[in-house]
């Protein structure tokens, strides 16, 4: 009889400990696993950063495309060409005066 009670208590304790270990295993995977809550938050922040970079690249692309369209033969503007030549090449007209301010 006494042996039966000890065996029953041992089995109940073993089931309790085993259940606790399973619970700890799943809780640890919820918070620290590959698909955990922390991982989701870090991926969301990475997605936000990548979206911002993508939007900046789209704006740069629009700016470059508009500059290219201004340089096409049918849209050619002499003021724009003069501005580009003075900025990039340092060219000026003979009647212009350049003043450098430090």
N, C-alpha and C. Protein backbone atom coordinates (compact mmCIF):
# COMPACT_ATOMS: atom_id res chain seq x y z
N UNK A 1 0.82 -1.18 0.00
CA UNK A 1 0.00 0.00 0.00
C UNK A 1 0.86 1.25 0.00
N UNK A 2 1.88 1.26 0.87
CA UNK A 2 2.78 2.39 0.97
C UNK A 2 3.57 2.57 -0.33
N UNK A 3 3.93 1.45 -0.93
CA UNK A 3 4.63 1.47 -2.21
C UNK A 3 3.76 2.07 -3.31
N UNK A 4 2.49 1.77 -3.26
CA UNK A 4 1.54 2.30 -4.24
C UNK A 4 1.42 3.82 -4.14
N UNK A 5 1.38 4.37 -2.95
CA UNK A 5 1.27 5.82 -2.73
C UNK A 5 2.54 6.53 -3.21
N UNK A 6 3.69 5.94 -2.91
CA UNK A 6 4.95 6.54 -3.35
C UNK A 6 5.02 6.55 -4.88
N UNK A 7 4.62 5.44 -5.51
CA UNK A 7 4.63 5.36 -6.96
C UNK A 7 3.65 6.37 -7.57
N UNK A 8 2.47 6.52 -6.96
CA UNK A 8 1.47 7.46 -7.45
C UNK A 8 1.98 8.89 -7.32
N UNK A 9 2.59 9.24 -6.18
CA UNK A 9 3.15 10.58 -5.99
C UNK A 9 4.29 10.84 -6.97
N UNK A 10 5.10 9.84 -7.23
CA UNK A 10 6.20 9.99 -8.17
C UNK A 10 5.66 10.26 -9.57
N UNK A 11 4.64 9.52 -9.98
CA UNK A 11 4.06 9.72 -11.32
C UNK A 11 3.42 11.10 -11.41
N UNK A 12 2.70 11.54 -10.40
CA UNK A 12 2.08 12.86 -10.41
C UNK A 12 3.14 13.97 -10.44
N UNK A 13 4.19 13.79 -9.66
CA UNK A 13 5.28 14.78 -9.67
C UNK A 13 5.98 14.81 -11.02
N UNK A 14 6.18 13.64 -11.60
CA UNK A 14 6.81 13.58 -12.92
C UNK A 14 5.94 14.26 -13.98
N UNK A 15 4.65 14.02 -13.94
CA UNK A 15 3.74 14.66 -14.89
C UNK A 15 3.75 16.17 -14.70
N UNK A 16 3.77 16.62 -13.46
CA UNK A 16 3.79 18.05 -13.18
C UNK A 16 5.09 18.69 -13.70
N UNK A 17 6.20 18.06 -13.45
CA UNK A 17 7.49 18.59 -13.89
C UNK A 17 7.57 18.57 -15.42
N UNK A 18 7.11 17.48 -16.03
CA UNK A 18 7.12 17.38 -17.48
C UNK A 18 6.22 18.45 -18.11
N UNK A 19 5.06 18.67 -17.53
CA UNK A 19 4.15 19.71 -18.03
C UNK A 19 4.78 21.09 -17.88
N UNK A 20 5.46 21.32 -16.78
CA UNK A 20 6.13 22.61 -16.57
C UNK A 20 7.24 22.81 -17.60
N UNK A 21 8.00 21.77 -17.89
CA UNK A 21 9.07 21.87 -18.89
C UNK A 21 8.49 22.16 -20.29
N UNK A 22 7.39 21.53 -20.63
CA UNK A 22 6.74 21.81 -21.91
C UNK A 22 6.26 23.25 -21.95
N UNK A 23 5.67 23.72 -20.86
CA UNK A 23 5.21 25.10 -20.77
C UNK A 23 6.37 26.08 -20.94
N UNK A 24 7.48 25.84 -20.26
CA UNK A 24 8.66 26.70 -20.37
C UNK A 24 9.21 26.68 -21.79
N UNK A 25 9.21 25.51 -22.42
CA UNK A 25 9.69 25.39 -23.79
C UNK A 25 8.88 26.28 -24.73
N UNK A 26 7.56 26.19 -24.66
CA UNK A 26 6.73 26.98 -25.57
C UNK A 26 6.78 28.47 -25.24
N UNK A 27 6.83 28.82 -23.98
CA UNK A 27 6.94 30.24 -23.61
C UNK A 27 8.27 30.81 -24.10
N UNK A 28 9.35 30.05 -23.97
CA UNK A 28 10.63 30.54 -24.45
C UNK A 28 10.61 30.73 -25.96
N UNK A 29 9.93 29.87 -26.69
CA UNK A 29 9.84 30.04 -28.14
C UNK A 29 8.95 31.22 -28.52
N UNK A 30 7.96 31.52 -27.69
CA UNK A 30 7.11 32.68 -27.97
C UNK A 30 7.92 33.96 -27.85
N UNK A 31 8.80 34.04 -26.86
CA UNK A 31 9.54 35.28 -26.62
C UNK A 31 10.92 35.32 -27.26
N UNK A 32 11.56 34.17 -27.46
CA UNK A 32 12.95 34.19 -27.92
C UNK A 32 13.23 33.33 -29.14
N UNK A 33 12.22 32.75 -29.76
CA UNK A 33 12.43 31.86 -30.90
C UNK A 33 12.59 32.62 -32.20
N UNK A 34 12.65 31.85 -33.29
CA UNK A 34 12.82 32.42 -34.62
C UNK A 34 11.61 33.24 -35.04
N UNK A 35 10.43 32.84 -34.60
CA UNK A 35 9.19 33.57 -34.92
C UNK A 35 8.62 34.21 -33.66
N UNK A 36 9.47 34.76 -32.85
CA UNK A 36 9.06 35.30 -31.57
C UNK A 36 8.51 36.72 -31.70
N UNK A 37 7.99 37.20 -30.59
CA UNK A 37 7.45 38.56 -30.54
C UNK A 37 8.56 39.57 -30.79
N UNK A 38 9.72 39.37 -30.18
CA UNK A 38 10.85 40.31 -30.35
C UNK A 38 11.31 40.34 -31.80
N UNK A 39 11.33 39.18 -32.43
CA UNK A 39 11.75 39.09 -33.83
C UNK A 39 10.77 39.85 -34.74
N UNK A 40 9.48 39.74 -34.42
CA UNK A 40 8.47 40.45 -35.21
C UNK A 40 8.67 41.95 -35.10
N UNK A 41 8.93 42.44 -33.87
CA UNK A 41 9.15 43.88 -33.69
C UNK A 41 10.41 44.35 -34.42
N UNK A 42 11.47 43.56 -34.37
CA UNK A 42 12.70 43.96 -35.06
C UNK A 42 12.50 43.94 -36.58
N UNK A 43 11.76 42.97 -37.09
CA UNK A 43 11.49 42.94 -38.53
C UNK A 43 10.60 44.10 -38.95
N UNK A 44 9.66 44.48 -38.10
CA UNK A 44 8.82 45.66 -38.41
C UNK A 44 9.66 46.92 -38.50
N UNK A 45 10.61 47.07 -37.59
CA UNK A 45 11.47 48.26 -37.65
C UNK A 45 12.36 48.23 -38.89
N UNK A 46 12.86 47.06 -39.26
CA UNK A 46 13.66 46.95 -40.47
C UNK A 46 12.83 47.25 -41.72
N UNK A 47 11.57 46.82 -41.71
CA UNK A 47 10.68 47.11 -42.84
C UNK A 47 10.43 48.61 -42.94
N UNK A 48 10.25 49.28 -41.80
CA UNK A 48 10.03 50.73 -41.81
C UNK A 48 11.25 51.47 -42.36
N UNK A 49 12.44 51.05 -41.96
CA UNK A 49 13.67 51.67 -42.45
C UNK A 49 13.82 51.45 -43.96
N UNK A 50 13.56 50.22 -44.40
CA UNK A 50 13.68 49.91 -45.83
C UNK A 50 12.63 50.67 -46.64
N UNK A 51 11.45 50.87 -46.09
CA UNK A 51 10.41 51.64 -46.78
C UNK A 51 10.83 53.09 -46.93
N UNK A 52 11.44 53.66 -45.88
CA UNK A 52 11.93 55.04 -45.97
C UNK A 52 13.01 55.18 -47.03
N UNK A 53 13.94 54.24 -47.06
CA UNK A 53 14.99 54.27 -48.07
C UNK A 53 14.40 54.12 -49.48
N UNK A 54 13.41 53.27 -49.62
CA UNK A 54 12.75 53.07 -50.91
C UNK A 54 12.07 54.36 -51.36
N UNK A 55 11.39 55.04 -50.44
CA UNK A 55 10.73 56.30 -50.80
C UNK A 55 11.75 57.37 -51.20
N UNK A 56 12.90 57.40 -50.50
CA UNK A 56 13.95 58.35 -50.89
C UNK A 56 14.48 58.05 -52.29
N UNK A 57 14.67 56.77 -52.58
CA UNK A 57 15.14 56.39 -53.91
C UNK A 57 14.12 56.73 -54.99
N UNK A 58 12.84 56.56 -54.68
CA UNK A 58 11.81 56.94 -55.65
C UNK A 58 11.83 58.44 -55.91
N UNK A 59 12.02 59.24 -54.86
CA UNK A 59 12.10 60.69 -55.04
C UNK A 59 13.32 61.07 -55.86
N UNK A 60 14.45 60.42 -55.58
CA UNK A 60 15.66 60.69 -56.38
C UNK A 60 15.44 60.32 -57.84
N UNK A 61 14.76 59.20 -58.06
CA UNK A 61 14.48 58.77 -59.44
C UNK A 61 13.60 59.79 -60.15
N UNK A 62 12.58 60.31 -59.44
CA UNK A 62 11.71 61.33 -60.05
C UNK A 62 12.50 62.58 -60.39
N UNK A 63 13.40 62.99 -59.50
CA UNK A 63 14.21 64.19 -59.76
C UNK A 63 15.13 63.99 -60.96
N UNK A 64 15.77 62.84 -61.03
CA UNK A 64 16.68 62.57 -62.15
C UNK A 64 15.89 62.47 -63.45
N UNK A 65 14.72 61.84 -63.39
CA UNK A 65 13.89 61.72 -64.59
C UNK A 65 13.43 63.09 -65.09
N UNK A 66 13.07 63.97 -64.16
CA UNK A 66 12.65 65.32 -64.58
C UNK A 66 13.83 66.09 -65.18
N UNK A 67 15.03 65.93 -64.61
CA UNK A 67 16.21 66.59 -65.20
C UNK A 67 16.50 66.04 -66.60
N UNK A 68 16.37 64.74 -66.77
CA UNK A 68 16.60 64.14 -68.08
C UNK A 68 15.58 64.66 -69.08
N UNK A 69 14.33 64.77 -68.64
CA UNK A 69 13.30 65.28 -69.56
C UNK A 69 13.56 66.74 -69.93
N UNK A 70 14.14 67.53 -69.03
CA UNK A 70 14.47 68.91 -69.36
C UNK A 70 15.60 69.01 -70.38
N UNK A 71 16.43 67.99 -70.46
CA UNK A 71 17.56 68.00 -71.39
C UNK A 71 17.23 67.39 -72.75
N UNK A 72 16.02 66.93 -72.96
CA UNK A 72 15.64 66.38 -74.27
C UNK A 72 15.53 67.52 -75.28
N UNK A 73 15.66 67.19 -76.54
CA UNK A 73 15.67 68.20 -77.61
C UNK A 73 14.39 69.03 -77.65
N UNK A 74 13.24 68.39 -77.43
CA UNK A 74 11.99 69.13 -77.54
C UNK A 74 11.72 70.03 -76.32
N UNK A 75 12.40 69.78 -75.20
CA UNK A 75 12.19 70.58 -73.98
C UNK A 75 13.40 71.44 -73.62
N UNK A 76 14.33 71.59 -74.51
CA UNK A 76 15.59 72.24 -74.20
C UNK A 76 15.38 73.71 -73.84
N UNK A 77 15.92 74.11 -72.69
CA UNK A 77 15.80 75.48 -72.20
C UNK A 77 17.21 76.07 -72.10
N UNK A 78 17.41 77.22 -72.70
CA UNK A 78 18.75 77.81 -72.73
C UNK A 78 19.19 78.25 -71.34
N UNK A 79 18.28 78.69 -70.49
CA UNK A 79 18.65 79.08 -69.13
C UNK A 79 19.14 77.88 -68.33
N UNK A 80 18.48 76.75 -68.52
CA UNK A 80 18.88 75.55 -67.81
C UNK A 80 20.25 75.07 -68.27
N UNK A 81 20.52 75.14 -69.55
CA UNK A 81 21.83 74.75 -70.08
C UNK A 81 22.91 75.68 -69.55
N UNK A 82 22.63 76.96 -69.48
CA UNK A 82 23.59 77.93 -68.94
C UNK A 82 23.87 77.65 -67.48
N UNK A 83 22.84 77.31 -66.73
CA UNK A 83 23.02 76.98 -65.31
C UNK A 83 23.88 75.74 -65.14
N UNK A 84 23.63 74.72 -65.93
CA UNK A 84 24.43 73.48 -65.85
C UNK A 84 25.87 73.75 -66.23
N UNK A 85 26.09 74.50 -67.30
CA UNK A 85 27.47 74.76 -67.74
C UNK A 85 28.23 75.60 -66.72
N UNK A 86 27.55 76.51 -66.06
CA UNK A 86 28.26 77.31 -65.05
C UNK A 86 28.53 76.51 -63.79
N UNK A 87 27.60 75.65 -63.39
CA UNK A 87 27.79 74.85 -62.18
C UNK A 87 28.83 73.75 -62.36
N UNK A 88 28.68 72.98 -63.42
CA UNK A 88 29.55 71.82 -63.60
C UNK A 88 30.89 72.15 -64.23
N UNK A 89 30.88 73.02 -65.23
CA UNK A 89 32.10 73.28 -65.98
C UNK A 89 32.78 74.57 -65.59
N UNK A 90 32.08 75.43 -64.88
CA UNK A 90 32.67 76.70 -64.49
C UNK A 90 32.70 77.71 -65.61
N UNK A 91 31.89 77.52 -66.62
CA UNK A 91 31.85 78.44 -67.77
C UNK A 91 30.98 79.65 -67.45
N UNK A 92 31.39 80.81 -67.92
CA UNK A 92 30.61 82.03 -67.77
C UNK A 92 30.59 82.78 -69.09
N UNK A 93 29.62 83.67 -69.24
CA UNK A 93 29.58 84.53 -70.42
C UNK A 93 30.61 85.64 -70.27
N UNK A 94 30.94 86.26 -71.39
CA UNK A 94 31.96 87.31 -71.35
C UNK A 94 31.49 88.55 -70.60
N UNK A 95 30.19 88.74 -70.49
CA UNK A 95 29.69 89.93 -69.81
C UNK A 95 29.33 89.65 -68.33
N UNK A 96 29.58 88.45 -67.83
CA UNK A 96 29.27 88.12 -66.44
C UNK A 96 30.48 88.37 -65.55
N UNK A 97 30.21 88.74 -64.31
CA UNK A 97 31.26 88.96 -63.31
C UNK A 97 31.03 87.95 -62.18
N UNK A 98 32.08 87.24 -61.81
CA UNK A 98 31.98 86.23 -60.75
C UNK A 98 32.63 86.77 -59.51
N UNK A 99 31.92 86.75 -58.40
CA UNK A 99 32.45 87.22 -57.12
C UNK A 99 32.41 86.02 -56.17
N UNK A 100 33.59 85.63 -55.68
CA UNK A 100 33.67 84.53 -54.72
C UNK A 100 33.61 85.09 -53.32
N UNK A 101 32.71 84.58 -52.51
CA UNK A 101 32.57 85.02 -51.12
C UNK A 101 32.97 83.85 -50.23
N UNK A 102 33.87 84.13 -49.32
CA UNK A 102 34.34 83.09 -48.40
C UNK A 102 33.50 83.08 -47.15
